[in-house]
């Protein structure tokens, strides 16, 4: 922003790069919090599917093939991959907050 003589009379109008800092930090922390919620959903799906597989094995034994084990395993692995990606994004956001 170029300062004109009119702006020099009103210095509060000049943009300061730190003026928006608290709002920027709050926004980044809200993003981290939103990613935490998604991460918790991934963990919930992983635990639910894993518990279903374990329950089947307790009731029917390991010798019988669980018809839902393959789709559950794919779901578990997909959620682990998604959780890993989200966690890496959270680390990036946290580093950004640390720099600010």
PDB file of N, CA and C in Angstrom:
ATOM      1  N   UNK A   1       0.853  -1.170   0.000  1.00  0.00           N
ATOM      2  CA  UNK A   1       0.000   0.000   0.000  1.00  0.00           C
ATOM      3  C   UNK A   1       0.895   1.229   0.000  1.00  0.00           C
ATOM      4  N   UNK A   2       0.561   2.155  -0.832  1.00  0.00           N
ATOM      5  CA  UNK A   2       1.324   3.389  -0.936  1.00  0.00           C
ATOM      6  C   UNK A   2       0.708   4.419  -0.002  1.00  0.00           C
ATOM      7  N   UNK A   3       1.551   5.059   0.795  1.00  0.00           N
ATOM      8  CA  UNK A   3       1.063   6.065   1.740  1.00  0.00           C
ATOM      9  C   UNK A   3       0.936   7.408   1.031  1.00  0.00           C
ATOM     10  N   UNK A   4      -0.223   7.975   1.127  1.00  0.00           N
ATOM     11  CA  UNK A   4      -0.426   9.319   0.597  1.00  0.00           C
ATOM     12  C   UNK A   4      -0.412  10.285   1.767  1.00  0.00           C
ATOM     13  N   UNK A   5      -0.425  11.550   1.456  1.00  0.00           N
ATOM     14  CA  UNK A   5      -0.416  12.543   2.536  1.00  0.00           C
ATOM     15  C   UNK A   5      -1.676  12.407   3.400  1.00  0.00           C
ATOM     16  N   UNK A   6      -2.765  12.007   2.776  1.00  0.00           N
ATOM     17  CA  UNK A   6      -3.999  11.818   3.530  1.00  0.00           C
ATOM     18  C   UNK A   6      -3.847  10.651   4.514  1.00  0.00           C
ATOM     19  N   UNK A   7      -3.176   9.538   4.076  1.00  0.00           N
ATOM     20  CA  UNK A   7      -2.953   8.389   4.951  1.00  0.00           C
ATOM     21  C   UNK A   7      -2.004   8.731   6.089  1.00  0.00           C
ATOM     22  N   UNK A   8      -1.085   9.619   5.850  1.00  0.00           N
ATOM     23  CA  UNK A   8      -0.136   9.983   6.890  1.00  0.00           C
ATOM     24  C   UNK A   8      -0.828  10.739   8.025  1.00  0.00           C
ATOM     25  N   UNK A   9      -1.939  11.362   7.715  1.00  0.00           N
ATOM     26  CA  UNK A   9      -2.706  12.039   8.745  1.00  0.00           C
ATOM     27  C   UNK A   9      -3.487  11.037   9.594  1.00  0.00           C
ATOM     28  N   UNK A  10      -3.760   9.880   9.019  1.00  0.00           N
ATOM     29  CA  UNK A  10      -4.491   8.833   9.729  1.00  0.00           C
ATOM     30  C   UNK A  10      -3.649   7.543   9.716  1.00  0.00           C
ATOM     31  N   UNK A  11      -2.667   7.455  10.582  1.00  0.00           N
ATOM     32  CA  UNK A  11      -1.756   6.303  10.527  1.00  0.00           C
ATOM     33  C   UNK A  11      -2.427   4.976  10.876  1.00  0.00           C
ATOM     34  N   UNK A  12      -3.564   4.990  11.525  1.00  0.00           N
ATOM     35  CA  UNK A  12      -4.239   3.759  11.871  1.00  0.00           C
ATOM     36  C   UNK A  12      -4.783   3.035  10.647  1.00  0.00           C
ATOM     37  N   UNK A  13      -4.854   3.713   9.500  1.00  0.00           N
ATOM     38  CA  UNK A  13      -5.336   3.091   8.277  1.00  0.00           C
ATOM     39  C   UNK A  13      -4.247   2.305   7.555  1.00  0.00           C
ATOM     40  N   UNK A  14      -3.014   2.517   7.908  1.00  0.00           N
ATOM     41  CA  UNK A  14      -1.920   1.824   7.246  1.00  0.00           C
ATOM     42  C   UNK A  14      -1.940   0.366   7.692  1.00  0.00           C
ATOM     43  N   UNK A  15      -1.836  -0.519   6.736  1.00  0.00           N
ATOM     44  CA  UNK A  15      -1.896  -1.952   7.011  1.00  0.00           C
ATOM     45  C   UNK A  15      -0.635  -2.398   7.725  1.00  0.00           C
ATOM     46  N   UNK A  16      -0.828  -3.121   8.794  1.00  0.00           N
ATOM     47  CA  UNK A  16       0.286  -3.702   9.520  1.00  0.00           C
ATOM     48  C   UNK A  16       0.222  -5.210   9.339  1.00  0.00           C
ATOM     49  N   UNK A  17       1.335  -5.855   8.988  1.00  0.00           N
ATOM     50  CA  UNK A  17       1.292  -7.299   8.759  1.00  0.00           C
ATOM     51  C   UNK A  17       0.959  -8.108  10.016  1.00  0.00           C
ATOM     52  N   UNK A  18       1.143  -7.537  11.182  1.00  0.00           N
ATOM     53  CA  UNK A  18       0.825  -8.260  12.414  1.00  0.00           C
ATOM     54  C   UNK A  18      -0.570  -7.932  12.930  1.00  0.00           C
ATOM     55  N   UNK A  19      -1.279  -7.036  12.265  1.00  0.00           N
ATOM     56  CA  UNK A  19      -2.607  -6.639  12.728  1.00  0.00           C
ATOM     57  C   UNK A  19      -3.576  -7.814  12.695  1.00  0.00           C
ATOM     58  N   UNK A  20      -3.408  -8.701  11.744  1.00  0.00           N
ATOM     59  CA  UNK A  20      -4.330  -9.819  11.585  1.00  0.00           C
ATOM     60  C   UNK A  20      -3.769 -11.105  12.201  1.00  0.00           C
ATOM     61  N   UNK A  21      -2.671 -11.013  12.907  1.00  0.00           N
ATOM     62  CA  UNK A  21      -1.995 -12.186  13.436  1.00  0.00           C
ATOM     63  C   UNK A  21      -2.871 -13.016  14.380  1.00  0.00           C
ATOM     64  N   UNK A  22      -3.553 -12.427  15.347  1.00  0.00           N
ATOM     65  CA  UNK A  22      -4.404 -13.259  16.226  1.00  0.00           C
ATOM     66  C   UNK A  22      -5.504 -13.996  15.460  1.00  0.00           C
ATOM     67  N   UNK A  23      -6.096 -13.336  14.491  1.00  0.00           N
ATOM     68  CA  UNK A  23      -7.145 -13.986  13.704  1.00  0.00           C
ATOM     69  C   UNK A  23      -6.564 -15.106  12.850  1.00  0.00           C
ATOM     70  N   UNK A  24      -5.375 -14.896  12.309  1.00  0.00           N
ATOM     71  CA  UNK A  24      -4.730 -15.922  11.497  1.00  0.00           C
ATOM     72  C   UNK A  24      -4.389 -17.146  12.343  1.00  0.00           C
ATOM     73  N   UNK A  25      -3.861 -16.923  13.519  1.00  0.00           N
ATOM     74  CA  UNK A  25      -3.532 -18.034  14.417  1.00  0.00           C
ATOM     75  C   UNK A  25      -4.804 -18.768  14.831  1.00  0.00           C
ATOM     76  N   UNK A  26      -5.847 -18.022  15.155  1.00  0.00           N
ATOM     77  CA  UNK A  26      -7.118 -18.645  15.532  1.00  0.00           C
ATOM     78  C   UNK A  26      -7.670 -19.492  14.391  1.00  0.00           C
ATOM     79  N   UNK A  27      -7.548 -18.993  13.168  1.00  0.00           N
ATOM     80  CA  UNK A  27      -8.023 -19.735  12.001  1.00  0.00           C
ATOM     81  C   UNK A  27      -7.239 -21.036  11.826  1.00  0.00           C
ATOM     82  N   UNK A  28      -5.920 -20.972  11.965  1.00  0.00           N
ATOM     83  CA  UNK A  28      -5.102 -22.170  11.822  1.00  0.00           C
ATOM     84  C   UNK A  28      -5.427 -23.192  12.920  1.00  0.00           C
ATOM     85  N   UNK A  29      -5.652 -22.709  14.132  1.00  0.00           N
ATOM     86  CA  UNK A  29      -6.008 -23.616  15.221  1.00  0.00           C
ATOM     87  C   UNK A  29      -7.380 -24.252  15.000  1.00  0.00           C
ATOM     88  N   UNK A  30      -8.306 -23.499  14.396  1.00  0.00           N
ATOM     89  CA  UNK A  30      -9.613 -24.060  14.057  1.00  0.00           C
ATOM     90  C   UNK A  30      -9.475 -25.143  12.993  1.00  0.00           C
ATOM     91  N   UNK A  31      -8.577 -24.927  12.024  1.00  0.00           N
ATOM     92  CA  UNK A  31      -8.328 -25.950  11.010  1.00  0.00           C
ATOM     93  C   UNK A  31      -7.757 -27.215  11.646  1.00  0.00           C
ATOM     94  N   UNK A  32      -6.825 -27.041  12.575  1.00  0.00           N
ATOM     95  CA  UNK A  32      -6.249 -28.192  13.273  1.00  0.00           C
ATOM     96  C   UNK A  32      -7.333 -28.931  14.045  1.00  0.00           C
ATOM     97  N   UNK A  33      -8.207 -28.174  14.683  1.00  0.00           N
ATOM     98  CA  UNK A  33      -9.297 -28.778  15.445  1.00  0.00           C
ATOM     99  C   UNK A  33     -10.255 -29.548  14.525  1.00  0.00           C
ATOM    100  N   UNK A  34     -10.535 -29.004  13.354  1.00  0.00           N
ATOM    101  CA  UNK A  34     -11.408 -29.687  12.393  1.00  0.00           C
ATOM    102  C   UNK A  34     -10.759 -30.979  11.910  1.00  0.00           C
ATOM    103  N   UNK A  35      -9.456 -30.932  11.682  1.00  0.00           N
ATOM    104  CA  UNK A  35      -8.748 -32.136  11.266  1.00  0.00           C
ATOM    105  C   UNK A  35      -8.714 -33.172  12.386  1.00  0.00           C
ATOM    106  N   UNK A  36      -8.664 -32.719  13.629  1.00  0.00           N
ATOM    107  CA  UNK A  36      -8.741 -33.636  14.767  1.00  0.00           C
ATOM    108  C   UNK A  36     -10.065 -34.394  14.771  1.00  0.00           C
ATOM    109  N   UNK A  37     -11.152 -33.685  14.453  1.00  0.00           N
ATOM    110  CA  UNK A  37     -12.456 -34.345  14.420  1.00  0.00           C
ATOM    111  C   UNK A  37     -12.508 -35.404  13.321  1.00  0.00           C
ATOM    112  N   UNK A  38     -11.968 -35.083  12.147  1.00  0.00           N
ATOM    113  CA  UNK A  38     -11.944 -36.054  11.052  1.00  0.00           C
ATOM    114  C   UNK A  38     -11.057 -37.241  11.431  1.00  0.00           C
ATOM    115  N   UNK A  39      -9.940 -36.960  12.071  1.00  0.00           N
ATOM    116  CA  UNK A  39      -9.035 -38.011  12.516  1.00  0.00           C
ATOM    117  C   UNK A  39      -9.731 -38.924  13.529  1.00  0.00           C
ATOM    118  N   UNK A  40     -10.508 -38.355  14.410  1.00  0.00           N
ATOM    119  CA  UNK A  40     -11.245 -39.153  15.393  1.00  0.00           C
ATOM    120  C   UNK A  40     -12.277 -40.045  14.709  1.00  0.00           C
ATOM    121  N   UNK A  41     -12.905 -39.534  13.654  1.00  0.00           N
ATOM    122  CA  UNK A  41     -13.854 -40.355  12.896  1.00  0.00           C
ATOM    123  C   UNK A  41     -13.145 -41.543  12.252  1.00  0.00           C
ATOM    124  N   UNK A  42     -11.949 -41.296  11.708  1.00  0.00           N
ATOM    125  CA  UNK A  42     -11.165 -42.387  11.111  1.00  0.00           C
ATOM    126  C   UNK A  42     -10.836 -43.442  12.160  1.00  0.00           C
ATOM    127  N   UNK A  43     -10.416 -43.004  13.318  1.00  0.00           N
ATOM    128  CA  UNK A  43     -10.093 -43.948  14.394  1.00  0.00           C
ATOM    129  C   UNK A  43     -11.326 -44.740  14.815  1.00  0.00           C
ATOM    130  N   UNK A  44     -12.465 -44.089  14.848  1.00  0.00           N
ATOM    131  CA  UNK A  44     -13.701 -44.766  15.223  1.00  0.00           C
ATOM    132  C   UNK A  44     -14.050 -45.861  14.219  1.00  0.00           C
ATOM    133  N   UNK A  45     -13.930 -45.554  12.938  1.00  0.00           N
ATOM    134  CA  UNK A  45     -14.216 -46.552  11.900  1.00  0.00           C
ATOM    135  C   UNK A  45     -13.230 -47.709  12.013  1.00  0.00           C
ATOM    136  N   UNK A  46     -11.959 -47.391  12.210  1.00  0.00           N
ATOM    137  CA  UNK A  46     -10.937 -48.439  12.342  1.00  0.00           C
ATOM    138  C   UNK A  46     -11.274 -49.348  13.515  1.00  0.00           C
ATOM    139  N   UNK A  47     -11.572 -48.756  14.659  1.00  0.00           N
ATOM    140  CA  UNK A  47     -11.875 -49.559  15.854  1.00  0.00           C
ATOM    141  C   UNK A  47     -13.141 -50.397  15.680  1.00  0.00           C
ATOM    142  N   UNK A  48     -14.156 -49.831  15.060  1.00  0.00           N
ATOM    143  CA  UNK A  48     -15.406 -50.563  14.858  1.00  0.00           C
ATOM    144  C   UNK A  48     -15.189 -51.779  13.969  1.00  0.00           C
ATOM    145  N   UNK A  49     -14.521 -51.570  12.845  1.00  0.00           N
ATOM    146  CA  UNK A  49     -14.272 -52.681  11.912  1.00  0.00           C
ATOM    147  C   UNK A  49     -13.358 -53.735  12.538  1.00  0.00           C
ATOM    148  N   UNK A  50     -12.325 -53.293  13.235  1.00  0.00           N
ATOM    149  CA  UNK A  50     -11.406 -54.233  13.871  1.00  0.00           C
ATOM    150  C   UNK A  50     -12.113 -55.049  14.947  1.00  0.00           C
ATOM    151  N   UNK A  51     -12.950 -54.394  15.726  1.00  0.00           N
ATOM    152  CA  UNK A  51     -13.714 -55.117  16.751  1.00  0.00           C
ATOM    153  C   UNK A  51     -14.657 -56.138  16.132  1.00  0.00           C
ATOM    154  N   UNK A  52     -15.239 -55.814  14.981  1.00  0.00           N
ATOM    155  CA  UNK A  52     -16.121 -56.766  14.300  1.00  0.00           C
ATOM    156  C   UNK A  52     -15.352 -58.002  13.855  1.00  0.00           C
ATOM    157  N   UNK A  53     -14.160 -57.784  13.313  1.00  0.00           N
ATOM    158  CA  UNK A  53     -13.330 -58.914  12.883  1.00  0.00           C
ATOM    159  C   UNK A  53     -12.942 -59.773  14.092  1.00  0.00           C
ATOM    160  N   UNK A  54     -12.535 -59.127  15.176  1.00  0.00           N
ATOM    161  CA  UNK A  54     -12.134 -59.873  16.366  1.00  0.00           C
ATOM    162  C   UNK A  54     -13.307 -60.640  16.981  1.00  0.00           C
ATOM    163  N   UNK A  55     -14.486 -60.026  16.963  1.00  0.00           N
ATOM    164  CA  UNK A  55     -15.670 -60.691  17.514  1.00  0.00           C
ATOM    165  C   UNK A  55     -15.987 -61.939  16.696  1.00  0.00           C
ATOM    166  N   UNK A  56     -15.904 -61.834  15.373  1.00  0.00           N
ATOM    167  CA  UNK A  56     -16.148 -62.992  14.508  1.00  0.00           C
ATOM    168  C   UNK A  56     -15.186 -64.121  14.852  1.00  0.00           C
ATOM    169  N   UNK A  57     -13.911 -63.772  15.047  1.00  0.00           N
ATOM    170  CA  UNK A  57     -12.908 -64.790  15.334  1.00  0.00           C
ATOM    171  C   UNK A  57     -13.153 -65.439  16.697  1.00  0.00           C
ATOM    172  N   UNK A  58     -13.625 -64.687  17.675  1.00  0.00           N
ATOM    173  CA  UNK A  58     -13.916 -65.272  18.993  1.00  0.00           C
ATOM    174  C   UNK A  58     -15.090 -66.240  18.915  1.00  0.00           C
ATOM    175  N   UNK A  59     -16.113 -65.856  18.151  1.00  0.00           N
ATOM    176  CA  UNK A  59     -17.320 -66.664  18.071  1.00  0.00           C
ATOM    177  C   UNK A  59     -17.113 -67.879  17.165  1.00  0.00           C
ATOM    178  N   UNK A  60     -16.505 -67.673  15.997  1.00  0.00           N
ATOM    179  CA  UNK A  60     -16.438 -68.725  14.984  1.00  0.00           C
ATOM    180  C   UNK A  60     -15.062 -69.379  14.865  1.00  0.00           C
ATOM    181  N   UNK A  61     -14.076 -68.809  15.490  1.00  0.00           N
ATOM    182  CA  UNK A  61     -12.731 -69.371  15.395  1.00  0.00           C
ATOM    183  C   UNK A  61     -11.998 -68.850  14.171  1.00  0.00           C
ATOM    184  N   UNK A  62     -10.705 -69.039  14.191  1.00  0.00           N
ATOM    185  CA  UNK A  62      -9.861 -68.527  13.106  1.00  0.00           C
ATOM    186  C   UNK A  62      -9.890 -69.417  11.877  1.00  0.00           C
ATOM    187  N   UNK A  63     -10.386 -70.642  12.029  1.00  0.00           N
ATOM    188  CA  UNK A  63     -10.379 -71.573  10.896  1.00  0.00           C
ATOM    189  C   UNK A  63     -11.464 -71.257   9.871  1.00  0.00           C
ATOM    190  N   UNK A  64     -12.552 -70.619  10.303  1.00  0.00           N
ATOM    191  CA  UNK A  64     -13.624 -70.267   9.367  1.00  0.00           C
ATOM    192  C   UNK A  64     -13.336 -68.912   8.732  1.00  0.00           C
ATOM    193  N   UNK A  65     -13.639 -68.820   7.461  1.00  0.00           N
ATOM    194  CA  UNK A  65     -13.415 -67.593   6.717  1.00  0.00           C
ATOM    195  C   UNK A  65     -14.532 -66.584   7.013  1.00  0.00           C
ATOM    196  N   UNK A  66     -14.152 -65.380   7.409  1.00  0.00           N
ATOM    197  CA  UNK A  66     -15.111 -64.310   7.674  1.00  0.00           C
ATOM    198  C   UNK A  66     -15.434 -63.642   6.337  1.00  0.00           C
ATOM    199  N   UNK A  67     -16.687 -63.675   5.905  1.00  0.00           N
ATOM    200  CA  UNK A  67     -17.025 -63.083   4.602  1.00  0.00           C
ATOM    201  C   UNK A  67     -16.836 -61.564   4.550  1.00  0.00           C
ATOM    202  N   UNK A  68     -16.820 -60.922   5.696  1.00  0.00           N
ATOM    203  CA  UNK A  68     -16.680 -59.465   5.722  1.00  0.00           C
ATOM    204  C   UNK A  68     -15.254 -59.014   6.017  1.00  0.00           C
ATOM    205  N   UNK A  69     -14.347 -59.963   6.223  1.00  0.00           N
ATOM    206  CA  UNK A  69     -12.995 -59.582   6.625  1.00  0.00           C
ATOM    207  C   UNK A  69     -12.276 -58.781   5.536  1.00  0.00           C
ATOM    208  N   UNK A  70     -12.403 -59.185   4.294  1.00  0.00           N
ATOM    209  CA  UNK A  70     -11.702 -58.487   3.207  1.00  0.00           C
ATOM    210  C   UNK A  70     -12.186 -57.041   3.055  1.00  0.00           C
ATOM    211  N   UNK A  71     -13.514 -56.794   2.974  1.00  0.00           N
ATOM    212  CA  UNK A  71     -13.941 -55.387   2.872  1.00  0.00           C
ATOM    213  C   UNK A  71     -13.597 -54.572   4.125  1.00  0.00           C
ATOM    214  N   UNK A  72     -13.698 -55.215   5.298  1.00  0.00           N
ATOM    215  CA  UNK A  72     -13.337 -54.505   6.527  1.00  0.00           C
ATOM    216  C   UNK A  72     -11.853 -54.158   6.542  1.00  0.00           C
ATOM    217  N   UNK A  73     -11.036 -55.093   6.083  1.00  0.00           N
ATOM    218  CA  UNK A  73      -9.593 -54.839   6.045  1.00  0.00           C
ATOM    219  C   UNK A  73      -9.264 -53.687   5.104  1.00  0.00           C
ATOM    220  N   UNK A  74      -9.939 -53.655   3.955  1.00  0.00           N
ATOM    221  CA  UNK A  74      -9.724 -52.537   3.014  1.00  0.00           C
ATOM    222  C   UNK A  74     -10.142 -51.215   3.648  1.00  0.00           C
ATOM    223  N   UNK A  75     -11.270 -51.228   4.351  1.00  0.00           N
ATOM    224  CA  UNK A  75     -11.748 -50.018   5.021  1.00  0.00           C
ATOM    225  C   UNK A  75     -10.764 -49.578   6.091  1.00  0.00           C
ATOM    226  N   UNK A  76     -10.261 -50.522   6.864  1.00  0.00           N
ATOM    227  CA  UNK A  76      -9.290 -50.200   7.916  1.00  0.00           C
ATOM    228  C   UNK A  76      -8.038 -49.585   7.319  1.00  0.00           C
ATOM    229  N   UNK A  77      -7.505 -50.207   6.272  1.00  0.00           N
ATOM    230  CA  UNK A  77      -6.283 -49.688   5.644  1.00  0.00           C
ATOM    231  C   UNK A  77      -6.509 -48.312   5.015  1.00  0.00           C
ATOM    232  N   UNK A  78      -7.670 -48.131   4.396  1.00  0.00           N
ATOM    233  CA  UNK A  78      -7.973 -46.821   3.795  1.00  0.00           C
ATOM    234  C   UNK A  78      -8.061 -45.741   4.873  1.00  0.00           C
ATOM    235  N   UNK A  79      -8.649 -46.083   5.999  1.00  0.00           N
ATOM    236  CA  UNK A  79      -8.754 -45.103   7.086  1.00  0.00           C
ATOM    237  C   UNK A  79      -7.406 -44.834   7.733  1.00  0.00           C
ATOM    238  N   UNK A  80      -6.545 -45.847   7.803  1.00  0.00           N
ATOM    239  CA  UNK A  80      -5.191 -45.603   8.302  1.00  0.00           C
ATOM    240  C   UNK A  80      -4.431 -44.648   7.376  1.00  0.00           C
ATOM    241  N   UNK A  81      -4.588 -44.855   6.060  1.00  0.00           N
ATOM    242  CA  UNK A  81      -3.928 -43.954   5.097  1.00  0.00           C
ATOM    243  C   UNK A  81      -4.473 -42.532   5.214  1.00  0.00           C
ATOM    244  N   UNK A  82      -5.784 -42.430   5.335  1.00  0.00           N
ATOM    245  CA  UNK A  82      -6.416 -41.117   5.485  1.00  0.00           C
ATOM    246  C   UNK A  82      -5.957 -40.435   6.774  1.00  0.00           C
ATOM    247  N   UNK A  83      -5.870 -41.209   7.857  1.00  0.00           N
ATOM    248  CA  UNK A  83      -5.423 -40.658   9.139  1.00  0.00           C
ATOM    249  C   UNK A  83      -3.973 -40.186   9.050  1.00  0.00           C
ATOM    250  N   UNK A  84      -3.142 -40.935   8.336  1.00  0.00           N
ATOM    251  CA  UNK A  84      -1.740 -40.539   8.173  1.00  0.00           C
ATOM    252  C   UNK A  84      -1.640 -39.217   7.404  1.00  0.00           C
ATOM    253  N   UNK A  85      -2.422 -39.083   6.351  1.00  0.00           N
ATOM    254  CA  UNK A  85      -2.427 -37.852   5.568  1.00  0.00           C
ATOM    255  C   UNK A  85      -2.901 -36.668   6.415  1.00  0.00           C
ATOM    256  N   UNK A  86      -3.962 -36.865   7.157  1.00  0.00           N
ATOM    257  CA  UNK A  86      -4.494 -35.799   8.010  1.00  0.00           C
ATOM    258  C   UNK A  86      -3.476 -35.409   9.072  1.00  0.00           C
ATOM    259  N   UNK A  87      -2.810 -36.410   9.642  1.00  0.00           N
ATOM    260  CA  UNK A  87      -1.818 -36.120  10.674  1.00  0.00           C
ATOM    261  C   UNK A  87      -0.664 -35.297  10.103  1.00  0.00           C
ATOM    262  N   UNK A  88      -0.242 -35.610   8.887  1.00  0.00           N
ATOM    263  CA  UNK A  88       0.824 -34.833   8.246  1.00  0.00           C
ATOM    264  C   UNK A  88       0.371 -33.396   7.983  1.00  0.00           C
ATOM    265  N   UNK A  89      -0.890 -33.226   7.588  1.00  0.00           N
ATOM    266  CA  UNK A  89      -1.426 -31.878   7.386  1.00  0.00           C
ATOM    267  C   UNK A  89      -1.462 -31.107   8.702  1.00  0.00           C
ATOM    268  N   UNK A  90      -1.830 -31.792   9.780  1.00  0.00           N
ATOM    269  CA  UNK A  90      -1.852 -31.145  11.095  1.00  0.00           C
ATOM    270  C   UNK A  90      -0.456 -30.706  11.517  1.00  0.00           C
ATOM    271  N   UNK A  91       0.539 -31.538  11.237  1.00  0.00           N
ATOM    272  CA  UNK A  91       1.920 -31.174  11.575  1.00  0.00           C
ATOM    273  C   UNK A  91       2.330 -29.929  10.798  1.00  0.00           C
ATOM    274  N   UNK A  92       1.954 -29.860   9.521  1.00  0.00           N
ATOM    275  CA  UNK A  92       2.257 -28.678   8.714  1.00  0.00           C
ATOM    276  C   UNK A  92       1.592 -27.430   9.255  1.00  0.00           C
ATOM    277  N   UNK A  93       0.331 -27.554   9.642  1.00  0.00           N
ATOM    278  CA  UNK A  93      -0.377 -26.401  10.213  1.00  0.00           C
ATOM    279  C   UNK A  93       0.235 -25.977  11.543  1.00  0.00           C
ATOM    280  N   UNK A  94       0.622 -26.962  12.350  1.00  0.00           N
ATOM    281  CA  UNK A  94       1.238 -26.645  13.640  1.00  0.00           C
ATOM    282  C   UNK A  94       2.576 -25.936  13.433  1.00  0.00           C
ATOM    283  N   UNK A  95       3.321 -26.369  12.449  1.00  0.00           N
ATOM    284  CA  UNK A  95       4.597 -25.704  12.162  1.00  0.00           C
ATOM    285  C   UNK A  95       4.352 -24.271  11.699  1.00  0.00           C
ATOM    286  N   UNK A  96       3.299 -24.078  10.918  1.00  0.00           N
ATOM    287  CA  UNK A  96       2.953 -22.741  10.453  1.00  0.00           C
ATOM    288  C   UNK A  96       2.583 -21.823  11.628  1.00  0.00           C
ATOM    289  N   UNK A  97       1.827 -22.381  12.582  1.00  0.00           N
ATOM    290  CA  UNK A  97       1.468 -21.611  13.780  1.00  0.00           C
ATOM    291  C   UNK A  97       2.724 -21.265  14.567  1.00  0.00           C
ATOM    292  N   UNK A  98       3.644 -22.221  14.649  1.00  0.00           N
ATOM    293  CA  UNK A  98       4.882 -21.996  15.368  1.00  0.00           C
ATOM    294  C   UNK A  98       5.729 -20.893  14.753  1.00  0.00           C
ATOM    295  N   UNK A  99       5.694 -20.779  13.443  1.00  0.00           N
ATOM    296  CA  UNK A  99       6.444 -19.736  12.749  1.00  0.00           C
ATOM    297  C   UNK A  99       5.819 -18.370  12.984  1.00  0.00           C
ATOM    298  N   UNK A 100       4.476 -18.339  13.037  1.00  0.00           N
ATOM    299  CA  UNK A 100       3.791 -17.057  13.238  1.00  0.00           C
ATOM    300  C   UNK A 100       4.076 -16.558  14.638  1.00  0.00           C
TER     301      UNK A 100
END
